[in-house]
């Protein structure tokens, strides 16, 4: 259902890219955050890419977006996470 203030038709699959420093537990921590907002999320579907010098790790998580509120809450929690450098 598309609302007047959104360009997105819900529900839909929505990719979110999360970047942080390469460190032990980063992917697991991000998976836990995403699962709180999309319990059907499969960690096996997460795409991982290291930066050229391997200092940073980029994770692409495709979630099942059901509302603008859900996406806003997920983005906010990811942005507030201490291991996260950037969320796109």
Protein backbone atom coordinates (compact mmCIF):
# COMPACT_ATOMS: atom_id res chain seq x y z
CA UNK A 1 0.00 0.00 0.00
CA UNK A 2 1.50 3.29 -1.12
CA UNK A 3 0.82 6.29 1.09
CA UNK A 4 0.80 9.91 -0.08
CA UNK A 5 4.10 10.72 1.66
CA UNK A 6 6.01 7.63 0.48
CA UNK A 7 7.55 6.54 -2.79
CA UNK A 8 7.62 2.93 -1.58
CA UNK A 9 4.84 0.36 -2.01
CA UNK A 10 4.61 -1.70 1.19
CA UNK A 11 5.26 -4.50 1.78
CA UNK A 12 8.44 -4.87 -0.27
CA UNK A 13 12.00 -6.15 -0.13
CA UNK A 14 14.25 -3.23 0.81
CA UNK A 15 18.08 -3.33 0.78
CA UNK A 16 19.92 -1.52 3.57
CA UNK A 17 23.70 -1.08 3.46
CA UNK A 18 25.49 -0.90 6.80
CA UNK A 19 29.19 -0.02 7.07
CA UNK A 20 31.51 -0.40 10.01
CA UNK A 21 35.08 -1.19 10.89
CA UNK A 22 36.08 -4.80 10.32
CA UNK A 23 35.90 -6.32 13.78
CA UNK A 24 34.84 -9.52 15.46
CA UNK A 25 31.07 -9.69 15.96
CA UNK A 26 30.07 -6.87 13.58
CA UNK A 27 27.93 -9.01 11.26
CA UNK A 28 26.31 -10.80 14.22
CA UNK A 29 25.48 -7.50 15.95
CA UNK A 30 23.88 -6.10 12.79
CA UNK A 31 21.93 -9.33 12.25
CA UNK A 32 20.50 -9.05 15.77
CA UNK A 33 19.36 -5.45 15.16
CA UNK A 34 17.78 -6.33 11.81
CA UNK A 35 15.96 -9.34 13.28
CA UNK A 36 14.32 -7.11 15.90
CA UNK A 37 12.66 -5.18 13.07
CA UNK A 38 12.19 -8.04 10.57
CA UNK A 39 11.89 -11.41 12.35
CA UNK A 40 11.81 -13.19 8.96
CA UNK A 41 15.25 -11.83 7.95
CA UNK A 42 17.72 -14.55 6.95
CA UNK A 43 21.34 -13.88 7.89
CA UNK A 44 22.33 -16.20 5.03
CA UNK A 45 21.01 -13.59 2.58
CA UNK A 46 23.35 -10.87 3.91
CA UNK A 47 25.99 -9.73 1.42
CA UNK A 48 29.42 -8.82 2.84
CA UNK A 49 32.18 -6.81 1.19
CA UNK A 50 35.48 -5.73 2.66
CA UNK A 51 37.11 -2.44 1.74
CA UNK A 52 40.28 -2.51 -0.34
CA UNK A 53 42.52 -2.35 2.74
CA UNK A 54 40.10 -4.58 4.73
CA UNK A 55 39.66 -1.91 7.42
CA UNK A 56 35.91 -1.65 6.81
CA UNK A 57 33.13 -4.11 6.16
CA UNK A 58 29.96 -3.35 4.20
CA UNK A 59 26.86 -5.45 4.86
CA UNK A 60 23.82 -5.37 2.62
CA UNK A 61 20.71 -6.63 4.41
CA UNK A 62 17.53 -6.99 2.39
CA UNK A 63 14.60 -6.68 4.77
CA UNK A 64 10.89 -7.14 4.23
CA UNK A 65 9.67 -3.58 4.72
CA UNK A 66 6.10 -3.36 5.94
CA UNK A 67 5.87 0.35 6.81
CA UNK A 68 7.72 3.64 6.91
CA UNK A 69 7.72 3.43 10.72
CA UNK A 70 9.45 0.04 10.60
CA UNK A 71 12.18 1.35 8.27
CA UNK A 72 12.64 4.54 10.30
CA UNK A 73 13.02 2.55 13.53
CA UNK A 74 15.50 0.15 11.90
CA UNK A 75 17.59 2.98 10.43
CA UNK A 76 17.60 4.78 13.80
CA UNK A 77 18.74 1.72 15.74
CA UNK A 78 21.44 0.95 13.18
CA UNK A 79 22.69 4.57 13.17
CA UNK A 80 22.82 4.57 16.98
CA UNK A 81 24.79 1.31 17.16
CA UNK A 82 28.38 1.90 18.33
CA UNK A 83 29.90 -0.44 15.72
CA UNK A 84 28.20 1.29 12.76
CA UNK A 85 29.97 4.04 10.81
CA UNK A 86 27.30 4.65 8.13
CA UNK A 87 23.87 3.38 7.02
CA UNK A 88 22.56 3.81 3.47
